[in-house]
Amino acid sequence: IVPRGGTKTLQQIINQLEYLSRKGKLKLQRSARHLDIFVPPDQMRELARSWVQETGTYDEGQPDEERQQELTTHIIVSFPAG
């Protein structure tokens, strides 16, 4: 787990999705729980918005600098070659 590596704001989640998709050049695919569907680049903002709403604790009126709850957790894994 990366200490303080999680996102706390809607914009940070959007930034992470853009980073992971290389600004829309790579397809992002949802998990089997979400039917393995691909997320078109123009729907990443809506995906991020639904993510924060599903936490049940995200208040859109709260200033970003006051947010304490992490909405994501970052981990680092290593896989052997091959």
N, C-alpha and C. Protein backbone atom coordinates (compact mmCIF):
# COMPACT_ATOMS: atom_id res chain seq x y z
N ILE A 1 0.86 -1.17 0.00
CA ILE A 1 0.00 0.00 0.00
C ILE A 1 0.90 1.24 0.00
N VAL A 2 0.53 2.20 -0.80
CA VAL A 2 1.28 3.45 -0.87
C VAL A 2 0.68 4.43 0.14
N PRO A 3 1.43 4.80 1.19
CA PRO A 3 0.90 5.75 2.17
C PRO A 3 0.49 7.05 1.50
N ARG A 4 -0.70 7.53 1.83
CA ARG A 4 -1.25 8.77 1.28
C ARG A 4 -1.29 8.75 -0.24
N GLY A 5 -1.41 7.55 -0.83
CA GLY A 5 -1.42 7.45 -2.28
C GLY A 5 -2.80 7.47 -2.89
N GLY A 6 -3.83 7.45 -2.05
CA GLY A 6 -5.19 7.42 -2.58
C GLY A 6 -5.69 8.78 -3.01
N THR A 7 -6.78 8.77 -3.74
CA THR A 7 -7.40 10.02 -4.17
C THR A 7 -8.47 10.43 -3.17
N LYS A 8 -8.70 11.73 -3.06
CA LYS A 8 -9.69 12.26 -2.12
C LYS A 8 -10.75 13.12 -2.80
N THR A 9 -10.57 13.41 -4.08
CA THR A 9 -11.51 14.30 -4.76
C THR A 9 -11.96 13.69 -6.09
N LEU A 10 -13.07 14.20 -6.57
CA LEU A 10 -13.58 13.78 -7.87
C LEU A 10 -12.54 14.03 -8.96
N GLN A 11 -11.93 15.20 -8.94
CA GLN A 11 -10.95 15.53 -9.98
C GLN A 11 -9.74 14.61 -9.92
N GLN A 12 -9.32 14.21 -8.73
CA GLN A 12 -8.19 13.29 -8.61
C GLN A 12 -8.53 11.93 -9.21
N ILE A 13 -9.76 11.47 -9.05
CA ILE A 13 -10.16 10.20 -9.67
C ILE A 13 -10.17 10.35 -11.19
N ILE A 14 -10.70 11.45 -11.68
CA ILE A 14 -10.68 11.70 -13.13
C ILE A 14 -9.25 11.70 -13.64
N ASN A 15 -8.35 12.37 -12.92
CA ASN A 15 -6.94 12.40 -13.32
C ASN A 15 -6.35 11.00 -13.36
N GLN A 16 -6.69 10.16 -12.38
CA GLN A 16 -6.17 8.79 -12.34
C GLN A 16 -6.68 8.00 -13.54
N LEU A 17 -7.97 8.13 -13.86
CA LEU A 17 -8.52 7.41 -15.01
C LEU A 17 -7.86 7.87 -16.30
N GLU A 18 -7.63 9.17 -16.43
CA GLU A 18 -6.94 9.68 -17.62
C GLU A 18 -5.51 9.15 -17.69
N TYR A 19 -4.85 9.08 -16.55
CA TYR A 19 -3.48 8.55 -16.51
C TYR A 19 -3.47 7.08 -16.92
N LEU A 20 -4.37 6.30 -16.33
CA LEU A 20 -4.41 4.86 -16.63
C LEU A 20 -4.74 4.58 -18.09
N SER A 21 -5.57 5.43 -18.68
CA SER A 21 -5.96 5.23 -20.08
C SER A 21 -5.03 5.97 -21.04
N ARG A 22 -4.01 6.57 -20.49
CA ARG A 22 -3.07 7.38 -21.29
C ARG A 22 -3.83 8.42 -22.11
N LYS A 23 -4.68 9.13 -21.37
CA LYS A 23 -5.52 10.20 -21.94
C LYS A 23 -6.44 9.67 -23.04
N GLY A 24 -7.00 8.48 -22.81
CA GLY A 24 -7.98 7.92 -23.73
C GLY A 24 -7.40 7.06 -24.83
N LYS A 25 -6.09 6.89 -24.88
CA LYS A 25 -5.47 6.08 -25.93
C LYS A 25 -5.59 4.58 -25.66
N LEU A 26 -5.71 4.20 -24.38
CA LEU A 26 -5.91 2.80 -24.01
C LEU A 26 -7.32 2.63 -23.47
N LYS A 27 -7.92 1.49 -23.74
CA LYS A 27 -9.27 1.22 -23.25
C LYS A 27 -9.22 0.78 -21.79
N LEU A 28 -10.10 1.36 -21.00
CA LEU A 28 -10.28 0.90 -19.62
C LEU A 28 -11.46 -0.06 -19.60
N GLN A 29 -11.31 -1.15 -18.88
CA GLN A 29 -12.37 -2.15 -18.81
C GLN A 29 -12.82 -2.30 -17.37
N ARG A 30 -14.12 -2.29 -17.15
CA ARG A 30 -14.66 -2.46 -15.81
C ARG A 30 -14.55 -3.91 -15.39
N SER A 31 -14.72 -4.17 -14.12
CA SER A 31 -14.61 -5.52 -13.58
C SER A 31 -15.80 -6.39 -13.99
N ALA A 32 -15.68 -7.69 -13.74
CA ALA A 32 -16.77 -8.62 -14.05
C ALA A 32 -18.04 -8.22 -13.31
N ARG A 33 -17.88 -7.70 -12.12
CA ARG A 33 -19.04 -7.23 -11.34
C ARG A 33 -19.82 -6.17 -12.11
N HIS A 34 -19.13 -5.45 -12.96
CA HIS A 34 -19.75 -4.40 -13.77
C HIS A 34 -19.79 -4.79 -15.24
N LEU A 35 -19.92 -6.10 -15.48
CA LEU A 35 -20.15 -6.68 -16.81
C LEU A 35 -18.96 -6.58 -17.77
N ASP A 36 -17.77 -6.32 -17.26
CA ASP A 36 -16.57 -6.27 -18.10
C ASP A 36 -16.66 -5.27 -19.25
N ILE A 37 -17.51 -4.29 -19.12
CA ILE A 37 -17.68 -3.34 -20.23
C ILE A 37 -16.49 -2.37 -20.30
N PHE A 38 -16.21 -1.92 -21.50
CA PHE A 38 -15.17 -0.91 -21.71
C PHE A 38 -15.77 0.47 -21.43
N VAL A 39 -14.95 1.35 -20.92
CA VAL A 39 -15.39 2.70 -20.61
C VAL A 39 -14.85 3.64 -21.69
N PRO A 40 -15.74 4.18 -22.52
CA PRO A 40 -15.27 5.13 -23.54
C PRO A 40 -14.67 6.36 -22.86
N PRO A 41 -13.65 6.95 -23.47
CA PRO A 41 -13.00 8.12 -22.86
C PRO A 41 -13.97 9.24 -22.49
N ASP A 42 -15.02 9.43 -23.29
CA ASP A 42 -15.96 10.51 -22.99
C ASP A 42 -16.88 10.19 -21.82
N GLN A 43 -16.79 8.97 -21.27
CA GLN A 43 -17.61 8.60 -20.11
C GLN A 43 -16.79 8.47 -18.82
N MET A 44 -15.50 8.79 -18.87
CA MET A 44 -14.66 8.67 -17.67
C MET A 44 -15.11 9.62 -16.57
N ARG A 45 -15.50 10.82 -16.92
CA ARG A 45 -15.96 11.78 -15.90
C ARG A 45 -17.20 11.24 -15.20
N GLU A 46 -18.13 10.68 -15.95
CA GLU A 46 -19.34 10.12 -15.34
C GLU A 46 -19.01 8.91 -14.48
N LEU A 47 -18.07 8.08 -14.91
CA LEU A 47 -17.64 6.94 -14.11
C LEU A 47 -17.06 7.43 -12.78
N ALA A 48 -16.22 8.45 -12.83
CA ALA A 48 -15.63 9.00 -11.60
C ALA A 48 -16.71 9.57 -10.69
N ARG A 49 -17.67 10.26 -11.26
CA ARG A 49 -18.76 10.83 -10.46
C ARG A 49 -19.57 9.73 -9.78
N SER A 50 -19.87 8.66 -10.49
CA SER A 50 -20.64 7.57 -9.87
C SER A 50 -19.80 6.89 -8.79
N TRP A 51 -18.48 6.83 -8.99
CA TRP A 51 -17.58 6.24 -8.00
C TRP A 51 -17.69 6.99 -6.67
N VAL A 52 -17.58 8.32 -6.73
CA VAL A 52 -17.62 9.08 -5.49
C VAL A 52 -19.01 9.05 -4.86
N GLN A 53 -20.05 9.00 -5.67
CA GLN A 53 -21.40 8.95 -5.12
C GLN A 53 -21.67 7.62 -4.42
N GLU A 54 -21.09 6.53 -4.94
CA GLU A 54 -21.29 5.22 -4.33
C GLU A 54 -20.65 5.09 -2.96
N THR A 55 -19.71 5.97 -2.62
CA THR A 55 -19.11 5.90 -1.29
C THR A 55 -20.13 6.25 -0.22
N GLY A 56 -21.12 7.06 -0.58
CA GLY A 56 -22.14 7.47 0.37
C GLY A 56 -21.68 8.54 1.33
N THR A 57 -20.42 8.93 1.26
CA THR A 57 -19.90 9.93 2.19
C THR A 57 -19.33 11.15 1.48
N TYR A 58 -19.42 11.19 0.17
CA TYR A 58 -18.82 12.29 -0.59
C TYR A 58 -19.80 13.45 -0.67
N ASP A 59 -19.42 14.58 -0.15
CA ASP A 59 -20.24 15.79 -0.18
C ASP A 59 -19.64 16.73 -1.22
N GLU A 60 -20.34 16.91 -2.33
CA GLU A 60 -19.79 17.74 -3.42
C GLU A 60 -19.60 19.19 -3.01
N GLY A 61 -20.30 19.62 -1.95
CA GLY A 61 -20.16 21.00 -1.50
C GLY A 61 -18.96 21.23 -0.59
N GLN A 62 -18.33 20.16 -0.15
CA GLN A 62 -17.18 20.28 0.75
C GLN A 62 -15.94 20.74 -0.03
N PRO A 63 -15.22 21.72 0.48
CA PRO A 63 -13.99 22.16 -0.21
C PRO A 63 -12.97 21.01 -0.28
N ASP A 64 -12.30 20.89 -1.41
CA ASP A 64 -11.34 19.80 -1.60
C ASP A 64 -10.27 19.76 -0.52
N GLU A 65 -9.80 20.93 -0.08
CA GLU A 65 -8.72 20.95 0.91
C GLU A 65 -9.15 20.42 2.28
N GLU A 66 -10.46 20.28 2.51
CA GLU A 66 -10.95 19.75 3.79
C GLU A 66 -11.20 18.24 3.74
N ARG A 67 -11.06 17.64 2.59
CA ARG A 67 -11.37 16.21 2.47
C ARG A 67 -10.30 15.37 3.15
N GLN A 68 -10.76 14.40 3.94
CA GLN A 68 -9.85 13.50 4.65
C GLN A 68 -9.97 12.06 4.18
N GLN A 69 -11.17 11.64 3.76
CA GLN A 69 -11.40 10.25 3.38
C GLN A 69 -10.82 9.96 2.00
N GLU A 70 -10.02 8.90 1.92
CA GLU A 70 -9.50 8.48 0.62
C GLU A 70 -10.58 7.69 -0.11
N LEU A 71 -10.75 7.99 -1.38
CA LEU A 71 -11.74 7.31 -2.21
C LEU A 71 -11.13 6.13 -2.95
N THR A 72 -9.80 6.08 -3.02
CA THR A 72 -9.10 4.96 -3.65
C THR A 72 -7.89 4.63 -2.79
N THR A 73 -7.34 3.45 -3.03
CA THR A 73 -6.10 3.02 -2.38
C THR A 73 -5.13 2.61 -3.47
N HIS A 74 -3.90 3.03 -3.36
CA HIS A 74 -2.89 2.67 -4.36
C HIS A 74 -1.99 1.59 -3.78
N ILE A 75 -1.77 0.57 -4.58
CA ILE A 75 -0.87 -0.50 -4.18
C ILE A 75 0.16 -0.71 -5.28
N ILE A 76 1.29 -1.26 -4.91
CA ILE A 76 2.32 -1.59 -5.90
C ILE A 76 2.51 -3.10 -5.85
N VAL A 77 2.47 -3.72 -7.02
CA VAL A 77 2.70 -5.16 -7.11
C VAL A 77 3.81 -5.40 -8.13
N SER A 78 4.46 -6.52 -7.98
CA SER A 78 5.54 -6.88 -8.90
C SER A 78 5.30 -8.29 -9.40
N PHE A 79 5.41 -8.47 -10.68
CA PHE A 79 5.23 -9.79 -11.28
C PHE A 79 6.52 -10.19 -11.98
N PRO A 80 6.90 -11.45 -11.85
CA PRO A 80 8.11 -11.89 -12.55
C PRO A 80 7.90 -11.85 -14.06
N ALA A 81 8.97 -11.65 -14.78
CA ALA A 81 8.89 -11.64 -16.25
C ALA A 81 8.39 -12.98 -16.75
N GLY A 82 7.62 -12.93 -17.84
CA GLY A 82 7.15 -14.16 -18.47
C GLY A 82 5.86 -14.54 -17.98
